[in-house]
Amino acid sequence: MSDFGAELCCIGDRSWQFRVTRPPRDHGEAVKLLRQHYLYAWQDDAYEQETIENSAAALRVSTHWMFFWQ
């Protein structure tokens, strides 16, 4: 995740939060990154098309990324 300037900034009991300085620049790059995110923190509805589109759009504007496990 260093391509995106992601630095771990917070560790919880079941979560990690990263500060991001260079979010993905385009939709394709965001979808590719999203697939990597899902390897770390699986979500049951993660592969539904609407979820992928919304999540990829969010990655492009977010300056913090959160991973959590249940």
N, C-alpha and C. Protein backbone atom coordinates (compact mmCIF):
# COMPACT_ATOMS: atom_id res chain seq x y z
N MET A 1 0.81 -1.20 0.00
CA MET A 1 0.00 0.00 0.00
C MET A 1 0.86 1.26 0.00
N SER A 2 2.15 1.06 -0.06
CA SER A 2 3.02 2.23 -0.07
C SER A 2 2.86 3.07 -1.34
N ASP A 3 2.33 2.46 -2.42
CA ASP A 3 2.07 3.23 -3.63
C ASP A 3 1.10 4.37 -3.36
N PHE A 4 0.29 4.22 -2.33
CA PHE A 4 -0.75 5.19 -2.03
C PHE A 4 -0.41 6.05 -0.81
N GLY A 5 0.80 5.89 -0.30
CA GLY A 5 1.19 6.66 0.87
C GLY A 5 0.41 6.27 2.11
N ALA A 6 0.02 5.00 2.20
CA ALA A 6 -0.77 4.53 3.35
C ALA A 6 0.16 4.21 4.52
N GLU A 7 -0.11 4.82 5.66
CA GLU A 7 0.65 4.57 6.87
C GLU A 7 -0.30 4.16 7.99
N LEU A 8 0.05 3.11 8.68
CA LEU A 8 -0.76 2.64 9.81
C LEU A 8 -0.78 3.73 10.87
N CYS A 9 -1.96 4.15 11.28
CA CYS A 9 -2.05 5.22 12.27
C CYS A 9 -2.82 4.83 13.52
N CYS A 10 -3.54 3.71 13.47
CA CYS A 10 -4.33 3.31 14.64
C CYS A 10 -4.56 1.80 14.60
N ILE A 11 -4.37 1.15 15.75
CA ILE A 11 -4.62 -0.28 15.86
C ILE A 11 -5.62 -0.49 17.00
N GLY A 12 -6.73 -1.15 16.67
CA GLY A 12 -7.73 -1.47 17.67
C GLY A 12 -7.73 -2.96 17.96
N ASP A 13 -8.68 -3.40 18.79
CA ASP A 13 -8.78 -4.82 19.11
C ASP A 13 -9.01 -5.67 17.87
N ARG A 14 -9.85 -5.19 16.97
CA ARG A 14 -10.15 -5.92 15.74
C ARG A 14 -10.15 -5.02 14.53
N SER A 15 -9.29 -4.01 14.54
CA SER A 15 -9.27 -3.08 13.40
C SER A 15 -7.91 -2.43 13.24
N TRP A 16 -7.63 -2.00 12.02
CA TRP A 16 -6.47 -1.19 11.68
C TRP A 16 -6.98 0.00 10.90
N GLN A 17 -6.38 1.15 11.12
CA GLN A 17 -6.72 2.33 10.33
C GLN A 17 -5.44 2.89 9.74
N PHE A 18 -5.51 3.24 8.44
CA PHE A 18 -4.37 3.79 7.73
C PHE A 18 -4.68 5.22 7.29
N ARG A 19 -3.68 6.10 7.38
CA ARG A 19 -3.77 7.45 6.81
C ARG A 19 -3.22 7.35 5.39
N VAL A 20 -3.92 7.95 4.44
CA VAL A 20 -3.57 7.82 3.02
C VAL A 20 -3.26 9.19 2.44
N THR A 21 -2.09 9.32 1.80
CA THR A 21 -1.72 10.61 1.20
C THR A 21 -1.92 10.65 -0.31
N ARG A 22 -1.98 9.46 -0.94
CA ARG A 22 -2.16 9.42 -2.40
C ARG A 22 -3.21 8.37 -2.77
N PRO A 23 -4.50 8.69 -2.62
CA PRO A 23 -5.55 7.73 -2.99
C PRO A 23 -5.46 7.34 -4.47
N PRO A 24 -6.08 6.24 -4.86
CA PRO A 24 -6.09 5.83 -6.27
C PRO A 24 -6.60 6.96 -7.16
N ARG A 25 -6.01 7.10 -8.35
CA ARG A 25 -6.37 8.21 -9.25
C ARG A 25 -7.52 7.90 -10.18
N ASP A 26 -7.74 6.62 -10.47
CA ASP A 26 -8.84 6.30 -11.39
C ASP A 26 -9.58 5.06 -10.89
N HIS A 27 -10.71 4.80 -11.54
CA HIS A 27 -11.59 3.72 -11.10
C HIS A 27 -10.91 2.35 -11.18
N GLY A 28 -10.19 2.09 -12.27
CA GLY A 28 -9.52 0.80 -12.43
C GLY A 28 -8.50 0.54 -11.33
N GLU A 29 -7.74 1.55 -11.01
CA GLU A 29 -6.75 1.43 -9.94
C GLU A 29 -7.43 1.20 -8.59
N ALA A 30 -8.56 1.87 -8.37
CA ALA A 30 -9.31 1.71 -7.12
C ALA A 30 -9.89 0.31 -7.00
N VAL A 31 -10.40 -0.26 -8.08
CA VAL A 31 -10.95 -1.62 -8.04
C VAL A 31 -9.84 -2.63 -7.76
N LYS A 32 -8.69 -2.46 -8.38
CA LYS A 32 -7.55 -3.35 -8.14
C LYS A 32 -7.14 -3.30 -6.67
N LEU A 33 -7.07 -2.10 -6.10
CA LEU A 33 -6.73 -1.94 -4.70
C LEU A 33 -7.80 -2.56 -3.80
N LEU A 34 -9.05 -2.37 -4.16
CA LEU A 34 -10.16 -2.92 -3.39
C LEU A 34 -10.05 -4.44 -3.27
N ARG A 35 -9.65 -5.10 -4.33
CA ARG A 35 -9.45 -6.56 -4.28
C ARG A 35 -8.40 -6.93 -3.24
N GLN A 36 -7.35 -6.12 -3.16
CA GLN A 36 -6.32 -6.37 -2.15
C GLN A 36 -6.87 -6.15 -0.75
N HIS A 37 -7.69 -5.12 -0.59
CA HIS A 37 -8.31 -4.86 0.72
C HIS A 37 -9.14 -6.05 1.16
N TYR A 38 -9.89 -6.64 0.23
CA TYR A 38 -10.76 -7.76 0.59
C TYR A 38 -9.96 -8.98 1.04
N LEU A 39 -8.72 -9.11 0.61
CA LEU A 39 -7.89 -10.21 1.08
C LEU A 39 -7.59 -10.08 2.58
N TYR A 40 -7.51 -8.86 3.06
CA TYR A 40 -7.22 -8.60 4.47
C TYR A 40 -8.47 -8.63 5.34
N ALA A 41 -9.56 -8.12 4.83
CA ALA A 41 -10.78 -7.99 5.64
C ALA A 41 -11.98 -8.36 4.77
N TRP A 42 -12.29 -9.64 4.72
CA TRP A 42 -13.39 -10.15 3.90
C TRP A 42 -14.73 -9.59 4.36
N GLN A 43 -15.60 -9.28 3.42
CA GLN A 43 -16.97 -8.85 3.70
C GLN A 43 -17.90 -9.75 2.91
N ASP A 44 -19.01 -10.15 3.52
CA ASP A 44 -19.92 -11.08 2.85
C ASP A 44 -20.47 -10.54 1.54
N ASP A 45 -20.77 -9.26 1.47
CA ASP A 45 -21.37 -8.69 0.26
C ASP A 45 -20.35 -7.99 -0.62
N ALA A 46 -19.07 -8.24 -0.40
CA ALA A 46 -18.00 -7.49 -1.04
C ALA A 46 -17.98 -7.61 -2.56
N TYR A 47 -18.47 -8.71 -3.10
CA TYR A 47 -18.33 -8.91 -4.53
C TYR A 47 -19.60 -8.59 -5.32
N GLU A 48 -20.58 -7.99 -4.68
CA GLU A 48 -21.75 -7.52 -5.41
C GLU A 48 -21.32 -6.28 -6.19
N GLN A 49 -21.77 -6.16 -7.41
CA GLN A 49 -21.33 -5.07 -8.30
C GLN A 49 -21.56 -3.68 -7.69
N GLU A 50 -22.70 -3.47 -7.08
CA GLU A 50 -22.99 -2.16 -6.50
C GLU A 50 -22.00 -1.84 -5.37
N THR A 51 -21.68 -2.84 -4.55
CA THR A 51 -20.72 -2.64 -3.46
C THR A 51 -19.34 -2.31 -4.01
N ILE A 52 -18.91 -3.00 -5.05
CA ILE A 52 -17.60 -2.73 -5.66
C ILE A 52 -17.55 -1.30 -6.20
N GLU A 53 -18.59 -0.89 -6.92
CA GLU A 53 -18.61 0.46 -7.50
C GLU A 53 -18.57 1.53 -6.42
N ASN A 54 -19.39 1.38 -5.39
CA ASN A 54 -19.45 2.37 -4.31
C ASN A 54 -18.14 2.40 -3.52
N SER A 55 -17.60 1.23 -3.23
CA SER A 55 -16.37 1.16 -2.44
C SER A 55 -15.18 1.71 -3.22
N ALA A 56 -15.11 1.43 -4.51
CA ALA A 56 -14.02 1.97 -5.34
C ALA A 56 -14.10 3.49 -5.40
N ALA A 57 -15.29 4.03 -5.53
CA ALA A 57 -15.47 5.48 -5.55
C ALA A 57 -15.03 6.09 -4.22
N ALA A 58 -15.35 5.43 -3.12
CA ALA A 58 -14.97 5.92 -1.79
C ALA A 58 -13.45 5.91 -1.61
N LEU A 59 -12.78 4.89 -2.11
CA LEU A 59 -11.31 4.81 -1.99
C LEU A 59 -10.63 5.99 -2.67
N ARG A 60 -11.20 6.48 -3.74
CA ARG A 60 -10.59 7.56 -4.50
C ARG A 60 -10.61 8.90 -3.77
N VAL A 61 -11.50 9.06 -2.82
CA VAL A 61 -11.61 10.35 -2.12
C VAL A 61 -11.26 10.25 -0.63
N SER A 62 -11.10 9.05 -0.12
CA SER A 62 -10.85 8.87 1.30
C SER A 62 -9.39 9.08 1.66
N THR A 63 -9.15 9.73 2.79
CA THR A 63 -7.79 9.91 3.30
C THR A 63 -7.50 8.95 4.45
N HIS A 64 -8.46 8.11 4.80
CA HIS A 64 -8.27 7.08 5.83
C HIS A 64 -8.94 5.79 5.37
N TRP A 65 -8.26 4.69 5.55
CA TRP A 65 -8.82 3.38 5.22
C TRP A 65 -8.90 2.56 6.50
N MET A 66 -10.02 1.88 6.70
CA MET A 66 -10.24 1.08 7.90
C MET A 66 -10.40 -0.38 7.51
N PHE A 67 -9.71 -1.25 8.21
CA PHE A 67 -9.87 -2.69 8.08
C PHE A 67 -10.38 -3.20 9.41
N PHE A 68 -11.40 -4.06 9.37
CA PHE A 68 -11.89 -4.60 10.65
C PHE A 68 -12.29 -6.06 10.47
N TRP A 69 -12.20 -6.77 11.57
CA TRP A 69 -12.55 -8.20 11.61
C TRP A 69 -13.55 -8.41 12.71
N GLN A 70 -14.50 -9.30 12.45
CA GLN A 70 -15.54 -9.56 13.45
C GLN A 70 -15.20 -10.74 14.31
